Amino acid sequence: MLQNFLLNILLTFVWVALTGQLGYTNFVFGYALGFFILWMVNKSVNASTEYFYRVPKIFAFILLFFYDLMKANYEVTKDVITPNYNMKPGIIKYEMEAKTDFEITMLANMIALTPGTVVVDLSKNKKFMYIHVMYLTNKEEFIERLSSRIERKLLEIIR
């Protein structure tokens, strides 16, 4: 997988050098073009295709996370600007599927980066995470959304 990634980056830089335009859109286009070329070559050679399934999942996760981030920013900003507070703070005990230190750290970062949520503590056996939520209207719904939208998709990328 690392080999395909490095080849993709190399093809991206070749594209940028050939076009002579060092810009964000040209770099993204070069990356997409390199990805497509490598996908076609590996498809005909029957090589490992893990890279070609993981990269779209990474981009989908980034878009999903940014959507959740913007939604949370809107909620917090609206609550700060208006005179009435709509906060319903609470602390939940969340049972994680993440096992390794890296997986737990990445999950904690995703939670902490979202406005209105912060990781308070981690159990000694690293099975539970305690999360402070600023807008906790439905505990089960929050846990299900965290499990299905963030943790499961994050673990698909990492594992």
C-alpha atoms as a PDB file:
ATOM      1  CA  MET A   1       0.000   0.000   0.000  1.00  0.00           C
ATOM      2  CA  LEU A   2       2.829   2.389   0.858  1.00  0.00           C
ATOM      3  CA  GLN A   3       4.413   1.671  -2.497  1.00  0.00           C
ATOM      4  CA  ASN A   4       1.241   2.700  -4.353  1.00  0.00           C
ATOM      5  CA  PHE A   5       0.942   5.852  -2.246  1.00  0.00           C
ATOM      6  CA  LEU A   6       4.526   6.876  -2.964  1.00  0.00           C
ATOM      7  CA  LEU A   7       4.066   6.172  -6.679  1.00  0.00           C
ATOM      8  CA  ASN A   8       0.910   8.275  -6.617  1.00  0.00           C
ATOM      9  CA  ILE A   9       2.758  11.168  -4.996  1.00  0.00           C
ATOM     10  CA  LEU A  10       5.562  10.799  -7.540  1.00  0.00           C
ATOM     11  CA  LEU A  11       3.076  10.891 -10.420  1.00  0.00           C
ATOM     12  CA  THR A  12       1.481  13.947  -8.834  1.00  0.00           C
ATOM     13  CA  PHE A  13       4.795  15.797  -8.769  1.00  0.00           C
ATOM     14  CA  VAL A  14       5.518  14.709 -12.349  1.00  0.00           C
ATOM     15  CA  TRP A  15       2.149  16.144 -13.372  1.00  0.00           C
ATOM     16  CA  VAL A  16       2.824  19.418 -11.544  1.00  0.00           C
ATOM     17  CA  ALA A  17       6.280  19.653 -13.147  1.00  0.00           C
ATOM     18  CA  LEU A  18       4.905  18.970 -16.639  1.00  0.00           C
ATOM     19  CA  THR A  19       2.156  21.555 -16.347  1.00  0.00           C
ATOM     20  CA  GLY A  20       4.394  24.115 -14.650  1.00  0.00           C
ATOM     21  CA  GLN A  21       1.629  25.275 -12.294  1.00  0.00           C
ATOM     22  CA  LEU A  22       2.206  24.713  -8.594  1.00  0.00           C
ATOM     23  CA  GLY A  23      -1.314  25.255  -7.327  1.00  0.00           C
ATOM     24  CA  TYR A  24      -3.671  23.463  -5.009  1.00  0.00           C
ATOM     25  CA  THR A  25      -6.160  22.493  -7.718  1.00  0.00           C
ATOM     26  CA  ASN A  26      -3.428  21.314 -10.060  1.00  0.00           C
ATOM     27  CA  PHE A  27      -1.912  19.208  -7.263  1.00  0.00           C
ATOM     28  CA  VAL A  28      -5.311  17.630  -6.459  1.00  0.00           C
ATOM     29  CA  PHE A  29      -5.964  16.984 -10.144  1.00  0.00           C
ATOM     30  CA  GLY A  30      -2.502  15.426 -10.510  1.00  0.00           C
ATOM     31  CA  TYR A  31      -3.147  13.209  -7.496  1.00  0.00           C
ATOM     32  CA  ALA A  32      -6.499  12.072  -8.928  1.00  0.00           C
ATOM     33  CA  LEU A  33      -4.927  11.458 -12.339  1.00  0.00           C
ATOM     34  CA  GLY A  34      -2.066   9.480 -10.770  1.00  0.00           C
ATOM     35  CA  PHE A  35      -4.558   7.498  -8.697  1.00  0.00           C
ATOM     36  CA  PHE A  36      -6.525   6.602 -11.841  1.00  0.00           C
ATOM     37  CA  ILE A  37      -3.374   5.606 -13.751  1.00  0.00           C
ATOM     38  CA  LEU A  38      -2.124   3.403 -10.911  1.00  0.00           C
ATOM     39  CA  TRP A  39      -5.551   1.852 -10.527  1.00  0.00           C
ATOM     40  CA  MET A  40      -5.665   0.943 -14.231  1.00  0.00           C
ATOM     41  CA  VAL A  41      -2.109  -0.467 -14.173  1.00  0.00           C
ATOM     42  CA  ASN A  42      -2.678  -2.499 -11.000  1.00  0.00           C
ATOM     43  CA  LYS A  43      -6.007  -3.751 -12.303  1.00  0.00           C
ATOM     44  CA  SER A  44      -4.330  -5.226 -15.371  1.00  0.00           C
ATOM     45  CA  VAL A  45      -1.432  -6.699 -13.341  1.00  0.00           C
ATOM     46  CA  ASN A  46      -3.723  -8.119 -10.583  1.00  0.00           C
ATOM     47  CA  ALA A  47      -1.637  -6.473  -7.868  1.00  0.00           C
ATOM     48  CA  SER A  48      -2.755  -5.515  -4.373  1.00  0.00           C
ATOM     49  CA  THR A  49      -5.838  -3.279  -4.460  1.00  0.00           C
ATOM     50  CA  GLU A  50      -6.015  -2.300  -0.785  1.00  0.00           C
ATOM     51  CA  TYR A  51      -4.745   1.207  -1.536  1.00  0.00           C
ATOM     52  CA  PHE A  52      -7.486   1.777  -4.100  1.00  0.00           C
ATOM     53  CA  TYR A  53     -10.224   0.921  -1.611  1.00  0.00           C
ATOM     54  CA  ARG A  54      -8.720   2.794   1.320  1.00  0.00           C
ATOM     55  CA  VAL A  55      -8.102   6.183  -0.357  1.00  0.00           C
ATOM     56  CA  PRO A  56     -11.770   6.793  -1.299  1.00  0.00           C
ATOM     57  CA  LYS A  57     -12.757   5.807   2.257  1.00  0.00           C
ATOM     58  CA  ILE A  58     -10.294   8.354   3.625  1.00  0.00           C
ATOM     59  CA  PHE A  59     -11.710  11.134   1.457  1.00  0.00           C
ATOM     60  CA  ALA A  60     -15.282  10.154   2.361  1.00  0.00           C
ATOM     61  CA  PHE A  61     -14.367  10.191   6.052  1.00  0.00           C
ATOM     62  CA  ILE A  62     -12.770  13.631   5.725  1.00  0.00           C
ATOM     63  CA  LEU A  63     -15.904  15.003   4.059  1.00  0.00           C
ATOM     64  CA  LEU A  64     -18.150  13.418   6.685  1.00  0.00           C
ATOM     65  CA  PHE A  65     -16.000  14.783   9.494  1.00  0.00           C
ATOM     66  CA  PHE A  66     -15.990  18.289   8.006  1.00  0.00           C
ATOM     67  CA  TYR A  67     -19.780  18.145   7.700  1.00  0.00           C
ATOM     68  CA  ASP A  68     -20.093  17.158  11.367  1.00  0.00           C
ATOM     69  CA  LEU A  69     -17.551  19.835  12.272  1.00  0.00           C
ATOM     70  CA  MET A  70     -19.485  22.580  10.470  1.00  0.00           C
ATOM     71  CA  LYS A  71     -22.762  21.412  12.001  1.00  0.00           C
ATOM     72  CA  ALA A  72     -21.276  21.481  15.518  1.00  0.00           C
ATOM     73  CA  ASN A  73     -19.700  24.892  14.889  1.00  0.00           C
ATOM     74  CA  TYR A  74     -23.080  26.231  13.801  1.00  0.00           C
ATOM     75  CA  GLU A  75     -24.790  24.885  16.944  1.00  0.00           C
ATOM     76  CA  VAL A  76     -22.176  26.334  19.298  1.00  0.00           C
ATOM     77  CA  THR A  77     -22.046  29.691  17.492  1.00  0.00           C
ATOM     78  CA  LYS A  78     -25.828  29.987  17.478  1.00  0.00           C
ATOM     79  CA  ASP A  79     -25.928  29.243  21.195  1.00  0.00           C
ATOM     80  CA  VAL A  80     -23.216  31.805  21.977  1.00  0.00           C
ATOM     81  CA  ILE A  81     -24.827  34.585  19.892  1.00  0.00           C
ATOM     82  CA  THR A  82     -28.422  34.151  21.109  1.00  0.00           C
ATOM     83  CA  PRO A  83     -29.386  35.323  24.603  1.00  0.00           C
ATOM     84  CA  ASN A  84     -30.905  31.960  25.609  1.00  0.00           C
ATOM     85  CA  TYR A  85     -28.696  28.983  26.326  1.00  0.00           C
ATOM     86  CA  ASN A  86     -29.863  25.722  24.764  1.00  0.00           C
ATOM     87  CA  MET A  87     -27.127  23.640  26.335  1.00  0.00           C
ATOM     88  CA  LYS A  88     -27.947  20.295  27.884  1.00  0.00           C
ATOM     89  CA  PRO A  89     -24.505  19.226  29.103  1.00  0.00           C
ATOM     90  CA  GLY A  90     -23.748  15.710  30.188  1.00  0.00           C
ATOM     91  CA  ILE A  91     -21.021  13.134  30.503  1.00  0.00           C
ATOM     92  CA  ILE A  92     -21.423   9.770  28.830  1.00  0.00           C
ATOM     93  CA  LYS A  93     -19.544   6.520  29.232  1.00  0.00           C
ATOM     94  CA  TYR A  94     -18.716   5.263  25.754  1.00  0.00           C
ATOM     95  CA  GLU A  95     -17.551   1.700  25.129  1.00  0.00           C
ATOM     96  CA  MET A  96     -14.955   1.752  22.376  1.00  0.00           C
ATOM     97  CA  GLU A  97     -14.180  -0.748  19.652  1.00  0.00           C
ATOM     98  CA  ALA A  98     -10.727   0.833  19.332  1.00  0.00           C
ATOM     99  CA  LYS A  99      -8.042  -1.310  20.945  1.00  0.00           C
ATOM    100  CA  THR A 100      -4.583   0.056  20.208  1.00  0.00           C
ATOM    101  CA  ASP A 101      -3.178   3.279  21.607  1.00  0.00           C
ATOM    102  CA  PHE A 102      -3.070   4.795  18.106  1.00  0.00           C
ATOM    103  CA  GLU A 103      -6.741   3.985  17.426  1.00  0.00           C
ATOM    104  CA  ILE A 104      -7.800   5.390  20.796  1.00  0.00           C
ATOM    105  CA  THR A 105      -5.735   8.542  20.258  1.00  0.00           C
ATOM    106  CA  MET A 106      -7.181   9.141  16.807  1.00  0.00           C
ATOM    107  CA  LEU A 107     -10.729   8.624  18.090  1.00  0.00           C
ATOM    108  CA  ALA A 108     -10.116  10.982  21.007  1.00  0.00           C
ATOM    109  CA  ASN A 109      -8.737  13.594  18.590  1.00  0.00           C
ATOM    110  CA  MET A 110     -11.784  13.338  16.327  1.00  0.00           C
ATOM    111  CA  ILE A 111     -14.057  13.810  19.338  1.00  0.00           C
ATOM    112  CA  ALA A 112     -12.025  16.667  20.811  1.00  0.00           C
ATOM    113  CA  LEU A 113     -11.814  18.511  17.472  1.00  0.00           C
ATOM    114  CA  THR A 114     -15.597  18.692  17.259  1.00  0.00           C
ATOM    115  CA  PRO A 115     -16.931  21.758  19.114  1.00  0.00           C
ATOM    116  CA  GLY A 116     -19.170  20.885  22.034  1.00  0.00           C
ATOM    117  CA  THR A 117     -17.458  17.594  22.860  1.00  0.00           C
ATOM    118  CA  VAL A 118     -14.326  16.794  24.810  1.00  0.00           C
ATOM    119  CA  VAL A 119     -12.815  13.575  26.113  1.00  0.00           C
ATOM    120  CA  VAL A 120     -12.672  13.781  29.895  1.00  0.00           C
ATOM    121  CA  ASP A 121     -11.094  10.463  30.846  1.00  0.00           C
ATOM    122  CA  LEU A 122     -10.175   6.991  29.693  1.00  0.00           C
ATOM    123  CA  SER A 123     -10.750   3.898  31.820  1.00  0.00           C
ATOM    124  CA  LYS A 124      -7.691   2.070  33.119  1.00  0.00           C
ATOM    125  CA  ASN A 125      -8.432  -0.979  30.963  1.00  0.00           C
ATOM    126  CA  LYS A 126      -8.796   1.303  27.875  1.00  0.00           C
ATOM    127  CA  LYS A 127     -12.250  -0.039  27.146  1.00  0.00           C
ATOM    128  CA  PHE A 128     -14.340   3.030  28.030  1.00  0.00           C
ATOM    129  CA  MET A 129     -14.022   6.693  27.184  1.00  0.00           C
ATOM    130  CA  TYR A 130     -15.791   9.373  29.201  1.00  0.00           C
ATOM    131  CA  ILE A 131     -16.978  12.221  26.994  1.00  0.00           C
ATOM    132  CA  HIS A 132     -18.433  15.581  27.999  1.00  0.00           C
ATOM    133  CA  VAL A 133     -21.133  16.605  25.544  1.00  0.00           C
ATOM    134  CA  MET A 134     -22.464  20.154  25.421  1.00  0.00           C
ATOM    135  CA  TYR A 135     -25.766  19.265  23.700  1.00  0.00           C
ATOM    136  CA  LEU A 136     -26.827  15.862  25.017  1.00  0.00           C
ATOM    137  CA  THR A 137     -30.508  15.559  24.171  1.00  0.00           C
ATOM    138  CA  ASN A 138     -30.551  11.798  23.612  1.00  0.00           C
ATOM    139  CA  LYS A 139     -27.740   9.688  25.062  1.00  0.00           C
ATOM    140  CA  GLU A 140     -28.419   6.562  22.966  1.00  0.00           C
ATOM    141  CA  GLU A 141     -28.644   8.570  19.745  1.00  0.00           C
ATOM    142  CA  PHE A 142     -25.336  10.296  20.469  1.00  0.00           C
ATOM    143  CA  ILE A 143     -23.612   6.985  21.216  1.00  0.00           C
ATOM    144  CA  GLU A 144     -25.013   5.379  18.049  1.00  0.00           C
ATOM    145  CA  ARG A 145     -23.982   8.349  15.909  1.00  0.00           C
ATOM    146  CA  LEU A 146     -20.486   8.377  17.422  1.00  0.00           C
ATOM    147  CA  SER A 147     -20.146   4.639  16.927  1.00  0.00           C
ATOM    148  CA  SER A 148     -21.458   4.457  13.360  1.00  0.00           C
ATOM    149  CA  ARG A 149     -20.328   7.792  11.895  1.00  0.00           C
ATOM    150  CA  ILE A 150     -16.972   8.350  13.530  1.00  0.00           C
ATOM    151  CA  GLU A 151     -15.452   5.300  15.204  1.00  0.00           C
ATOM    152  CA  ARG A 152     -16.471   2.577  12.741  1.00  0.00           C
ATOM    153  CA  LYS A 153     -15.400   4.601   9.702  1.00  0.00           C
ATOM    154  CA  LEU A 154     -12.152   5.661  11.385  1.00  0.00           C
ATOM    155  CA  LEU A 155     -11.297   2.049  12.228  1.00  0.00           C
ATOM    156  CA  GLU A 156     -12.032   0.981   8.639  1.00  0.00           C
ATOM    157  CA  ILE A 157      -9.357   3.413   7.511  1.00  0.00           C
ATOM    158  CA  ILE A 158      -6.794   2.590  10.186  1.00  0.00           C
ATOM    159  CA  ARG A 159      -7.076  -1.206  10.245  1.00  0.00           C
END
